[in-house]
Protein backbone atom coordinates (compact mmCIF):
# COMPACT_ATOMS: atom_id res chain seq x y z
CA MET A 1 156.65 43.36 98.18
CA ILE A 2 160.06 45.07 96.68
CA GLN A 3 162.98 45.59 99.36
CA ILE A 4 165.62 47.46 98.38
CA GLN A 5 169.04 47.39 101.45
CA VAL A 6 171.04 50.90 100.66
CA TRP A 7 174.21 51.35 102.08
CA ALA A 8 175.16 55.24 101.80
CA ASP A 9 177.30 57.60 103.96
CA PHE A 10 176.17 61.86 104.39
CA GLU A 11 179.57 63.16 102.78
CA CYS A 12 179.20 61.10 99.89
CA PRO A 13 177.22 62.83 97.83
CA TYR A 14 175.94 59.99 95.10
CA SER A 15 174.89 58.61 97.80
CA TYR A 16 172.19 62.06 98.85
CA PHE A 17 170.96 61.45 94.88
CA GLN A 18 170.97 57.93 95.53
CA THR A 19 168.42 58.66 98.12
CA ILE A 20 166.24 61.38 96.84
CA VAL A 21 165.91 58.50 93.70
CA LEU A 22 164.29 56.12 96.30
CA GLU A 23 162.16 58.47 98.13
CA LYS A 24 160.48 59.34 94.65
CA ILE A 25 159.88 55.39 94.47
CA GLN A 26 158.52 54.83 97.30
CA ALA A 27 156.23 57.96 96.94
CA LYS A 28 155.94 55.85 93.60
CA TYR A 29 154.49 52.00 95.09
CA ARG A 30 154.72 52.89 98.80
CA ASP A 31 153.40 49.91 99.96
CA LYS A 32 154.66 47.64 97.00
CA VAL A 33 159.01 48.87 98.49
CA GLU A 34 160.60 48.70 101.25
CA ILE A 35 163.81 51.26 102.28
CA MET A 36 166.54 49.91 104.61
CA TRP A 37 168.96 52.26 105.19
CA ARG A 38 172.67 50.70 105.96
CA ALA A 39 175.53 52.03 106.69
CA PHE A 40 179.14 52.08 106.42
CA GLU A 41 180.82 55.11 106.78
CA LEU A 42 183.91 56.35 104.51
CA SER A 43 186.19 58.34 106.89
CA PRO A 44 185.95 56.86 110.33
CA VAL A 45 188.26 59.57 111.66
CA GLU A 46 187.82 61.75 115.56
CA GLY A 47 188.15 64.62 114.66
CA ASN A 48 187.96 67.20 111.65
CA ILE A 49 189.71 66.53 107.94
CA SER A 50 190.24 68.34 104.97
CA PRO A 51 188.19 67.05 101.83
CA SER A 52 191.11 65.61 100.05
CA GLN A 53 191.39 66.40 96.62
CA SER A 54 189.85 63.00 95.11
CA TYR A 55 186.88 63.86 97.43
CA ILE A 56 186.74 67.33 95.79
CA ASN A 57 187.46 65.93 92.20
CA THR A 58 184.58 62.86 93.50
CA PHE A 59 182.10 66.22 94.49
CA GLU A 60 182.67 67.99 91.13
CA TYR A 61 181.79 65.44 88.93
CA ALA A 62 178.49 65.01 91.35
CA LYS A 63 177.49 68.62 90.78
CA LEU A 64 176.80 67.55 87.02
CA GLU A 65 174.61 64.98 87.16
CA PRO A 66 170.67 66.18 85.90
CA ILE A 67 169.19 65.75 89.02
CA VAL A 68 171.49 68.52 90.44
CA ALA A 69 169.26 70.57 88.08
CA GLU A 70 165.90 68.67 88.01
CA GLU A 71 165.49 68.68 91.63
CA GLY A 72 167.45 72.45 92.19
CA LEU A 73 169.58 71.20 94.40
CA LYS A 74 172.17 73.36 96.34
CA LEU A 75 175.78 71.46 96.76
CA LEU A 76 178.05 73.15 98.80
CA MET A 77 181.46 71.96 99.25
CA PRO A 78 182.09 70.77 102.35
CA LYS A 79 184.47 72.30 104.61
CA PHE A 80 186.27 68.87 106.64
CA LEU A 81 185.01 65.52 106.74
CA THR A 82 184.70 63.90 110.36
CA HIS A 83 182.75 60.71 111.81
CA THR A 84 179.12 60.36 111.53
CA TRP A 85 178.56 56.88 112.79
CA LEU A 86 175.70 59.27 114.84
CA ALA A 87 173.59 59.99 112.11
CA GLN A 88 174.10 56.18 111.14
CA GLU A 89 172.75 54.94 113.75
CA SER A 90 169.65 57.54 113.96
CA VAL A 91 168.81 56.24 110.69
CA TYR A 92 169.39 52.71 111.24
CA PHE A 93 166.99 52.93 114.02
CA ALA A 94 164.92 54.91 112.31
CA ASN A 95 164.16 52.46 109.86
CA SER A 96 161.63 50.24 112.51
CA GLN A 97 159.15 53.39 112.06
CA GLY A 98 159.44 53.57 108.29
CA LEU A 99 161.02 57.21 108.49
CA SER A 100 164.71 56.14 107.61
CA LEU A 101 164.59 57.65 103.53
CA LYS A 102 163.14 60.86 105.01
CA LEU A 103 165.49 61.53 108.26
CA ALA A 104 168.48 60.64 105.68
CA ARG A 105 167.27 63.56 103.51
CA THR A 106 167.38 66.07 106.18
CA LEU A 107 170.56 64.65 107.31
CA PHE A 108 171.53 65.19 103.29
CA ASP A 109 170.39 68.05 103.45
CA ALA A 110 171.78 69.52 105.55
CA PHE A 111 174.80 68.71 105.24
CA PHE A 112 175.91 69.60 101.62
CA SER A 113 172.78 72.60 101.74
CA GLN A 114 172.95 74.00 104.94
CA GLY A 115 176.91 73.39 105.79
CA LEU A 116 175.45 71.55 109.24
CA ASP A 117 177.85 69.67 111.30
CA ILE A 118 175.70 66.25 111.47
CA SER A 119 178.10 64.51 114.00
CA ASN A 120 177.04 66.85 116.35
CA GLU A 121 174.64 65.30 118.81
CA GLU A 122 172.51 67.73 119.34
CA VAL A 123 171.98 68.69 115.23
CA VAL A 124 171.03 65.16 114.99
CA MET A 125 168.81 65.42 118.04
CA GLN A 126 167.39 68.94 116.53
CA LEU A 127 166.80 66.82 113.12
CA ALA A 128 164.93 63.46 114.24
CA VAL A 129 163.09 65.31 115.53
CA GLN A 130 162.27 67.43 112.86
CA SER A 131 161.60 63.79 110.68
CA GLY A 132 159.16 62.96 113.27
CA ILE A 133 161.26 60.53 115.35
CA ASN A 134 160.66 60.56 119.33
CA GLU A 135 163.80 61.96 120.96
CA GLN A 136 164.15 60.03 124.19
CA LEU A 137 164.09 56.04 122.52
CA LEU A 138 166.06 57.56 119.90
CA ARG A 139 168.64 58.88 123.03
CA GLU A 140 167.77 55.68 125.09
CA ALA A 141 168.47 53.58 121.41
CA LEU A 142 171.80 55.43 121.04
CA ASP A 143 173.12 55.06 124.57
CA SER A 144 172.61 50.78 124.88
CA GLY A 145 174.61 50.55 122.29
CA GLY A 146 173.07 48.07 120.53
CA LEU A 147 172.25 50.19 117.43
CA THR A 148 176.71 50.74 117.05
CA LYS A 149 176.28 46.89 117.01
CA HIS A 150 174.53 46.87 114.17
CA ILE A 151 176.41 49.45 112.42
CA MET A 152 179.24 47.59 112.34
CA ALA A 153 177.66 44.33 110.95
CA ASP A 154 176.23 46.51 108.49
CA GLU A 155 180.07 47.85 107.06
CA GLN A 156 180.99 43.87 107.88
CA GLU A 157 178.43 42.73 105.74
CA PHE A 158 179.19 45.47 102.49
CA LYS A 159 182.56 44.20 103.07
CA THR A 160 181.30 40.18 102.31
CA TYR A 161 179.70 41.16 99.21
CA GLY A 162 182.58 42.93 98.01
CA PHE A 163 181.40 46.61 96.94
CA GLN A 164 183.83 48.75 96.02
CA GLY A 165 182.31 52.20 96.60
CA LEU A 166 178.53 54.67 98.06
CA PRO A 167 175.94 53.77 97.33
CA ALA A 168 175.21 50.07 97.27
CA MET A 169 172.16 48.37 97.02
CA LEU A 170 170.44 44.99 97.56
CA ILE A 171 167.58 43.90 96.02
CA GLY A 172 164.53 41.08 96.33
CA GLU A 173 161.36 40.08 97.36
CA LYS A 174 161.06 40.64 100.76
CA ASP A 175 160.93 37.44 103.62
CA PHE A 176 163.35 35.59 100.14
CA SER A 177 166.55 34.23 100.42
CA PRO A 178 169.30 37.17 100.80
CA LYS A 179 171.05 34.84 98.60
CA SER A 180 168.46 35.56 95.60
CA PHE A 181 169.15 38.99 96.31
CA MET A 182 170.55 41.36 93.65
CA PRO A 183 173.55 43.19 94.04
CA ILE A 184 174.02 47.11 92.55
CA SER A 185 177.42 49.16 93.07
CA GLY A 186 176.82 52.99 92.03
CA TYR A 187 173.72 55.11 91.87
CA LYS A 188 170.85 54.37 89.41
CA THR A 189 168.45 56.72 88.37
CA PHE A 190 165.46 55.75 88.94
CA GLU A 191 164.54 54.31 85.23
CA GLU A 192 167.23 52.33 85.65
CA ILE A 193 166.41 50.65 89.24
CA ILE A 194 163.11 50.41 87.57
CA SER A 195 164.67 48.66 84.57
CA LEU A 196 166.38 46.38 87.55
CA LEU A 197 162.95 45.37 89.20
CA PRO A 198 161.17 42.05 88.34
CA ASN A 199 158.83 42.37 85.40
CA ASN A 200 155.93 41.67 87.73
CA ALA A 201 156.65 42.95 90.98
CA PHE A 202 154.31 46.18 91.72
CA ASP A 203 151.82 43.68 89.24
């Protein structure tokens, strides 16, 4: 089984696109591939901040990617950026239920297409339930503090691999040594990811 670990942030349009591509890979290859969500926050701040000019430029470039037209995506410029730790922890929790991509896609749609505040606990809970996650179990996991430790470890590992931006991925055969996984930086299309996999990956 191929495992794809992806670091992404919910305020990053290219992470949004990568999630859609990974959904397509998961739908096509099903039990031959496992997608694991890893976390990295672009704006680890308290409160809200206005998008920087750099963010605005990146957003405008992102809107020109072919996937936007192909998928009919409606991208709204965020009115503000804020911390995404609650969304990150919730999607990390969803890994254990095989629902991480489903919840991630729901959160991305909410942020970029509906303009919802995904730092709001009730918004995140509503989206999690909508994605098939048990609200009580998620709240218990969030309250325990264990998810926060996992997110911090993810961010440290991101730095250890030397990734410079999001999205970023590790691709390899599950249960093999982590050292055998290939580090991938930047948004990759469906065809590009398939070309990076071993020739016999889906035999």
